[in-house]
């Protein structure tokens, strides 16, 4: 297994209590820590408004952060889980990602999906089209980006996007273009898109559902004549790790109390319930290792970890590095 680390950027209310002027230093320093350590990649979310509900707290923009991390790290891969296709014209996105790849020396990953957070869609003037339209844009946008990175120039006429000789120069440094992580587990459309274009997928960490989604992806690959084995399957997990159950509970309670400063207690409780479910990496090191080993045995090769404490306390990350990663890597 390989491991990625989410860097807090405010979306999940994970910079609360830190002055906005100091946010970048916190994010930059944690990225530098990951770059110098055992993590294969670092990740951000592509969102504009906080969860579990919109607040006035900061949410830093994903692709601005990509360029910043490209310039301030040297080894680690850099990704977004995941960019919403409809938030940016795909030819423009291909150009921006190629520039970030040049800055990074060839380390950008393209996490891409259809998008879902209706409040921010409407607030930013994007409307909120049907799932069919959002996934249609995803399919066409991925084709545009792939061709732009491969050829340095792209024309495309589709139902949702039209591009006429868009020049993407220089091309990304990575052979074949920037790796595509197609995110989502929709069985009829999203996993079919992944079977056609993805080097990586990203869907549920629930073991039974993961096994089922993997079977669906394999069927799509067979139908299209593509190699299922070449697609790396990944998951995202919430991670709160400690050496004992009481310490785990204390850490979770601190996260809950920080959320409750800004959202109703019912929303804070619901968020914690979702964070600590049986598919999470919340528990003692032995419990977390056991859960992730089950996913590994089902064919999961990549885990991206979100530590809600990361901006305030790295000790859980350090414990995960010492105890969990060596057992599974």
Protein backbone atom coordinates (compact mmCIF):
# COMPACT_ATOMS: atom_id res chain seq x y z
CA UNK A 1 0.00 0.00 0.00
CA UNK A 2 0.98 3.60 -0.63
CA UNK A 3 -0.31 6.51 1.40
CA UNK A 4 -1.37 10.09 0.75
CA UNK A 5 -2.05 12.86 3.26
CA UNK A 6 -4.72 15.56 3.11
CA UNK A 7 -3.42 18.99 4.08
CA UNK A 8 -5.98 21.07 6.05
CA UNK A 9 -7.30 23.98 4.01
CA UNK A 10 -10.36 25.03 5.97
CA UNK A 11 -13.08 23.19 4.04
CA UNK A 12 -13.75 20.79 6.89
CA UNK A 13 -13.38 23.54 9.51
CA UNK A 14 -9.87 22.28 10.19
CA UNK A 15 -8.17 25.69 10.50
CA UNK A 16 -10.61 27.13 13.06
CA UNK A 17 -8.93 29.30 15.68
CA UNK A 18 -5.86 29.99 13.54
CA UNK A 19 -5.59 33.54 12.22
CA UNK A 20 -6.15 33.62 8.43
CA UNK A 21 -2.82 35.40 7.94
CA UNK A 22 -1.14 32.32 9.45
CA UNK A 23 -3.03 29.69 7.45
CA UNK A 24 -0.49 29.43 4.66
CA UNK A 25 2.38 28.94 7.09
CA UNK A 26 0.49 26.08 8.75
CA UNK A 27 -0.37 24.45 5.42
CA UNK A 28 3.11 25.00 3.96
CA UNK A 29 4.88 23.59 7.00
CA UNK A 30 2.71 20.48 7.09
CA UNK A 31 3.29 19.96 3.36
CA UNK A 32 7.03 20.29 3.96
CA UNK A 33 6.80 17.74 6.77
CA UNK A 34 5.02 15.28 4.46
CA UNK A 35 7.49 15.97 1.67
CA UNK A 36 10.40 15.05 3.93
CA UNK A 37 8.75 11.89 5.23
CA UNK A 38 7.11 8.64 4.17
CA UNK A 39 4.02 9.97 2.38
CA UNK A 40 3.73 9.32 -1.36
CA UNK A 41 1.37 12.25 -2.01
CA UNK A 42 -0.41 15.22 -0.48
CA UNK A 43 -3.98 16.25 -1.28
CA UNK A 44 -6.47 19.09 -1.01
CA UNK A 45 -10.21 19.31 -1.63
CA UNK A 46 -11.73 21.33 -4.46
CA UNK A 47 -14.42 23.24 -2.58
CA UNK A 48 -15.35 26.85 -1.90
CA UNK A 49 -17.73 26.66 1.09
CA UNK A 50 -17.22 24.80 4.36
CA UNK A 51 -18.96 21.63 5.54
CA UNK A 52 -21.07 20.41 7.27
CA UNK A 53 -22.65 23.73 6.34
CA UNK A 54 -21.46 26.99 4.77
CA UNK A 55 -19.82 29.36 7.24
CA UNK A 56 -17.66 32.45 7.01
CA UNK A 57 -14.54 30.41 7.76
CA UNK A 58 -11.80 30.22 5.13
CA UNK A 59 -11.74 27.56 2.45
CA UNK A 60 -8.56 27.92 0.39
CA UNK A 61 -8.79 27.27 -3.36
CA UNK A 62 -7.37 23.98 -4.58
CA UNK A 63 -5.45 24.90 -7.71
CA UNK A 64 -3.85 27.96 -6.14
CA UNK A 65 -2.57 25.59 -3.48
CA UNK A 66 -1.35 23.16 -6.13
CA UNK A 67 0.97 25.78 -7.58
CA UNK A 68 2.10 26.87 -4.13
CA UNK A 69 2.93 23.32 -3.08
CA UNK A 70 4.61 22.73 -6.43
CA UNK A 71 7.00 25.56 -5.62
CA UNK A 72 7.60 24.72 -1.96
CA UNK A 73 8.00 20.92 -2.02
CA UNK A 74 10.46 18.79 -3.94
CA UNK A 75 9.49 15.11 -3.91
CA UNK A 76 5.90 14.42 -2.97
CA UNK A 77 3.10 13.99 -5.52
CA UNK A 78 0.41 16.71 -5.45
CA UNK A 79 -3.29 16.06 -5.96
CA UNK A 80 -6.87 17.21 -5.43
CA UNK A 81 -9.59 14.81 -4.33
CA UNK A 82 -11.26 15.86 -6.31
CA UNK A 83 -11.47 18.71 -8.81
CA UNK A 84 -15.06 19.36 -9.89
CA UNK A 85 -15.11 19.25 -13.68
CA UNK A 86 -17.75 21.94 -14.10
CA UNK A 87 -15.94 24.54 -11.97
CA UNK A 88 -13.40 25.29 -14.72
CA UNK A 89 -13.36 25.02 -18.49
CA UNK A 90 -11.48 21.76 -19.23
CA UNK A 91 -9.06 23.32 -21.72
CA UNK A 92 -8.23 26.01 -19.18
CA UNK A 93 -7.88 23.35 -16.47
CA UNK A 94 -5.54 21.33 -18.69
CA UNK A 95 -3.41 24.46 -19.15
CA UNK A 96 -3.37 25.33 -15.44
CA UNK A 97 -2.50 21.76 -14.46
CA UNK A 98 0.28 21.59 -17.05
CA UNK A 99 1.79 24.79 -15.67
CA UNK A 100 1.64 23.41 -12.12
CA UNK A 101 3.26 20.20 -13.36
CA UNK A 102 6.14 22.22 -14.84
CA UNK A 103 6.58 24.12 -11.56
CA UNK A 104 6.58 20.87 -9.58
CA UNK A 105 9.01 19.05 -11.82
CA UNK A 106 6.37 16.51 -12.88
CA UNK A 107 4.45 15.69 -9.69
CA UNK A 108 0.86 16.83 -10.28
CA UNK A 109 -2.01 14.32 -10.10
CA UNK A 110 -5.45 15.10 -11.53
CA UNK A 111 -8.22 13.98 -9.20
CA UNK A 112 -11.43 14.68 -11.12
CA UNK A 113 -15.14 14.10 -10.57
CA UNK A 114 -18.60 15.35 -11.41
CA UNK A 115 -19.09 17.55 -8.32
CA UNK A 116 -21.88 17.47 -5.75
CA UNK A 117 -21.97 20.40 -3.27
CA UNK A 118 -25.10 22.19 -4.48
CA UNK A 119 -24.81 25.22 -2.21
CA UNK A 120 -21.46 26.33 -3.61
CA UNK A 121 -22.49 25.53 -7.19
CA UNK A 122 -25.43 27.90 -6.98
CA UNK A 123 -23.57 30.52 -4.94
CA UNK A 124 -20.85 30.75 -7.58
CA UNK A 125 -23.32 31.00 -10.44
CA UNK A 126 -22.82 27.52 -11.90
CA UNK A 127 -26.43 26.47 -11.46
CA UNK A 128 -26.81 22.85 -10.46
CA UNK A 129 -27.35 20.66 -13.50
CA UNK A 130 -28.56 17.09 -13.34
CA UNK A 131 -26.28 14.19 -12.54
CA UNK A 132 -26.47 13.20 -16.19
CA UNK A 133 -25.14 16.59 -17.30
CA UNK A 134 -22.44 16.71 -14.64
CA UNK A 135 -21.17 13.27 -15.60
CA UNK A 136 -21.45 14.08 -19.29
CA UNK A 137 -19.16 17.05 -18.68
CA UNK A 138 -16.80 14.81 -16.74
CA UNK A 139 -16.53 12.37 -19.65
CA UNK A 140 -15.93 15.08 -22.23
CA UNK A 141 -13.61 17.11 -20.00
CA UNK A 142 -11.38 14.12 -19.31
CA UNK A 143 -11.05 13.50 -23.03
CA UNK A 144 -10.09 17.13 -23.64
CA UNK A 145 -7.45 17.11 -20.90
CA UNK A 146 -6.00 13.79 -22.01
CA UNK A 147 -5.67 14.93 -25.62
CA UNK A 148 -4.29 18.34 -24.66
CA UNK A 149 -1.56 16.82 -22.50
CA UNK A 150 -0.69 14.22 -25.11
CA UNK A 151 -0.62 16.46 -28.17
CA UNK A 152 -0.11 19.99 -26.84
CA UNK A 153 -3.13 21.14 -28.83
CA UNK A 154 -6.73 20.04 -28.73
CA UNK A 155 -9.96 20.43 -30.68
CA UNK A 156 -13.17 18.82 -29.50
CA UNK A 157 -16.85 19.11 -30.33
CA UNK A 158 -19.18 17.55 -27.81
CA UNK A 159 -22.58 18.06 -26.26
CA UNK A 160 -21.17 20.06 -23.35
CA UNK A 161 -17.79 21.41 -24.48
CA UNK A 162 -16.36 22.78 -27.70
CA UNK A 163 -12.66 23.50 -28.08
CA UNK A 164 -11.09 24.74 -31.31
CA UNK A 165 -7.33 24.44 -31.50
CA UNK A 166 -6.58 25.21 -27.84
CA UNK A 167 -2.81 25.20 -27.39
CA UNK A 168 -1.51 23.68 -24.16
CA UNK A 169 2.19 24.43 -24.29
CA UNK A 170 4.36 23.48 -22.65
CA UNK A 171 2.90 20.05 -22.11
CA UNK A 172 3.17 18.41 -18.69
CA UNK A 173 6.53 16.88 -17.89
CA UNK A 174 5.07 13.45 -17.15
CA UNK A 175 5.11 10.97 -20.02
CA UNK A 176 1.58 10.48 -21.29
CA UNK A 177 0.30 13.49 -19.38
CA UNK A 178 -0.87 14.00 -15.81
CA UNK A 179 -2.25 10.83 -14.15
CA UNK A 180 -6.05 10.80 -13.95
CA UNK A 181 -7.75 9.81 -10.71
CA UNK A 182 -11.44 9.38 -11.59
CA UNK A 183 -13.33 9.79 -8.32
CA UNK A 184 -16.75 8.37 -7.52
CA UNK A 185 -18.49 5.03 -7.46
CA UNK A 186 -21.42 5.56 -9.82
CA UNK A 187 -21.75 2.18 -11.47
CA UNK A 188 -23.31 3.00 -14.82
CA UNK A 189 -21.36 6.12 -15.76
CA UNK A 190 -18.51 7.11 -13.42
CA UNK A 191 -16.87 3.70 -13.24
CA UNK A 192 -17.30 3.32 -16.98
CA UNK A 193 -15.46 6.62 -17.48
CA UNK A 194 -12.77 5.33 -15.12
CA UNK A 195 -12.44 2.12 -17.10
CA UNK A 196 -11.86 4.17 -20.26
CA UNK A 197 -9.46 6.82 -19.02
CA UNK A 198 -8.24 6.41 -15.44
CA UNK A 199 -4.88 5.40 -14.08
CA UNK A 200 -6.44 5.54 -10.59
CA UNK A 201 -9.93 5.30 -9.15
CA UNK A 202 -11.19 6.52 -5.80
CA UNK A 203 -14.33 5.18 -4.17
CA UNK A 204 -15.80 3.97 -0.89
CA UNK A 205 -13.62 2.50 1.89
CA UNK A 206 -16.47 0.30 3.11
CA UNK A 207 -15.04 -3.19 2.44
CA UNK A 208 -18.18 -4.83 1.07
CA UNK A 209 -18.99 -1.85 -1.14
CA UNK A 210 -15.33 -1.58 -2.22
CA UNK A 211 -15.38 -5.20 -3.38
CA UNK A 212 -18.63 -4.64 -5.27
CA UNK A 213 -17.43 -1.44 -6.96
CA UNK A 214 -14.22 -3.24 -7.93
CA UNK A 215 -16.27 -5.97 -9.61
CA UNK A 216 -18.28 -3.36 -11.52
CA UNK A 217 -15.09 -1.63 -12.65
CA UNK A 218 -13.66 -4.96 -13.77
CA UNK A 219 -16.78 -5.65 -15.87
CA UNK A 220 -16.51 -2.27 -17.55
CA UNK A 221 -12.85 -2.95 -18.29
CA UNK A 222 -13.72 -6.31 -19.85
CA UNK A 223 -16.44 -4.71 -21.98
CA UNK A 224 -13.98 -2.11 -23.28
CA UNK A 225 -10.99 -4.36 -23.65
CA UNK A 226 -8.94 -2.39 -21.12
CA UNK A 227 -6.65 -3.85 -18.48
CA UNK A 228 -8.34 -3.83 -15.08
CA UNK A 229 -5.01 -4.60 -13.44
CA UNK A 230 -3.44 -1.35 -14.62
CA UNK A 231 -5.95 0.80 -12.66
CA UNK A 232 -4.89 1.52 -9.10
CA UNK A 233 -7.86 1.50 -6.73
CA UNK A 234 -7.71 4.02 -3.89
CA UNK A 235 -9.84 5.15 -0.95
CA UNK A 236 -10.04 8.18 1.33
CA UNK A 237 -10.24 7.58 5.08
CA UNK A 238 -10.76 9.79 8.12
CA UNK A 239 -7.94 9.09 10.56
CA UNK A 240 -7.71 9.63 14.31
CA UNK A 241 -5.14 7.27 15.78
CA UNK A 242 -3.88 6.68 19.33
CA UNK A 243 -2.41 3.93 21.47
CA UNK A 244 -5.53 3.37 23.56
CA UNK A 245 -9.28 3.61 23.23
CA UNK A 246 -9.68 6.40 25.81
CA UNK A 247 -7.06 8.51 24.02
CA UNK A 248 -8.84 7.98 20.71
CA UNK A 249 -12.07 9.17 22.34
CA UNK A 250 -10.33 12.24 23.77
CA UNK A 251 -8.94 13.17 20.37
CA UNK A 252 -12.34 12.75 18.71
CA UNK A 253 -13.97 14.86 21.42
CA UNK A 254 -11.53 17.71 20.78
CA UNK A 255 -12.41 17.63 17.08
CA UNK A 256 -16.11 17.65 17.93
CA UNK A 257 -15.74 20.57 20.33
CA UNK A 258 -13.93 22.63 17.71
CA UNK A 259 -16.72 22.02 15.20
CA UNK A 260 -19.38 22.92 17.75
CA UNK A 261 -17.96 26.42 17.99
CA UNK A 262 -19.27 27.16 14.51
CA UNK A 263 -22.13 24.80 13.71
CA UNK A 264 -25.10 23.54 15.74
CA UNK A 265 -24.29 20.70 18.10
CA UNK A 266 -26.51 18.36 16.08
CA UNK A 267 -24.42 19.08 12.97
CA UNK A 268 -21.19 18.58 14.90
CA UNK A 269 -22.45 15.25 16.25
CA UNK A 270 -23.55 14.11 12.80
CA UNK A 271 -20.15 15.02 11.36
CA UNK A 272 -18.33 13.08 14.06
CA UNK A 273 -20.61 10.08 13.50
CA UNK A 274 -19.66 10.16 9.82
CA UNK A 275 -15.98 10.61 10.64
CA UNK A 276 -15.73 7.68 13.04
CA UNK A 277 -17.76 5.03 11.23
CA UNK A 278 -16.61 1.41 10.80
CA UNK A 279 -14.99 2.23 7.45
CA UNK A 280 -12.79 4.94 8.98
CA UNK A 281 -9.19 4.80 10.21
CA UNK A 282 -10.26 5.91 13.67
CA UNK A 283 -9.05 3.74 16.53
CA UNK A 284 -5.96 2.27 18.04
CA UNK A 285 -3.05 1.50 15.74
CA UNK A 286 -3.96 -2.18 15.84
CA UNK A 287 -7.59 -1.52 14.91
CA UNK A 288 -6.66 0.83 12.09
CA UNK A 289 -4.05 -1.55 10.70
CA UNK A 290 -6.58 -4.38 10.71
CA UNK A 291 -9.20 -2.32 8.86
CA UNK A 292 -6.77 -1.13 6.20
CA UNK A 293 -5.31 -4.61 5.78
CA UNK A 294 -8.77 -5.87 4.89
CA UNK A 295 -9.00 -3.24 2.14
CA UNK A 296 -5.51 -4.15 0.94
CA UNK A 297 -6.57 -7.78 0.67
CA UNK A 298 -9.50 -6.67 -1.51
CA UNK A 299 -7.15 -4.96 -3.95
CA UNK A 300 -6.91 -1.44 -2.54
CA UNK A 301 -3.40 -0.22 -3.26
CA UNK A 302 -3.62 3.40 -2.12
CA UNK A 303 -5.05 5.12 0.96
CA UNK A 304 -5.41 8.89 1.32
CA UNK A 305 -5.70 9.91 4.98
CA UNK A 306 -7.49 12.91 6.41
CA UNK A 307 -6.42 13.77 9.97
CA UNK A 308 -8.84 16.40 11.37
CA UNK A 309 -6.24 17.34 14.00
CA UNK A 310 -3.44 17.98 11.51
CA UNK A 311 -3.29 21.78 11.81
CA UNK A 312 -3.11 21.61 15.60
CA UNK A 313 -1.38 18.35 16.54
CA UNK A 314 0.84 16.06 14.42
CA UNK A 315 1.25 13.35 17.02
CA UNK A 316 -1.49 11.21 15.49
CA UNK A 317 0.14 11.49 12.08
CA UNK A 318 3.50 10.57 13.57
CA UNK A 319 2.01 7.52 15.28
CA UNK A 320 0.38 6.43 12.01
CA UNK A 321 3.76 6.78 10.30
CA UNK A 322 5.54 4.69 12.95
CA UNK A 323 3.01 1.93 13.47
CA UNK A 324 0.51 1.67 10.61
CA UNK A 325 2.40 2.45 7.42
CA UNK A 326 5.27 -0.01 8.09
CA UNK A 327 2.73 -2.77 8.75
CA UNK A 328 0.99 -2.21 5.41
CA UNK A 329 3.50 -0.55 3.10
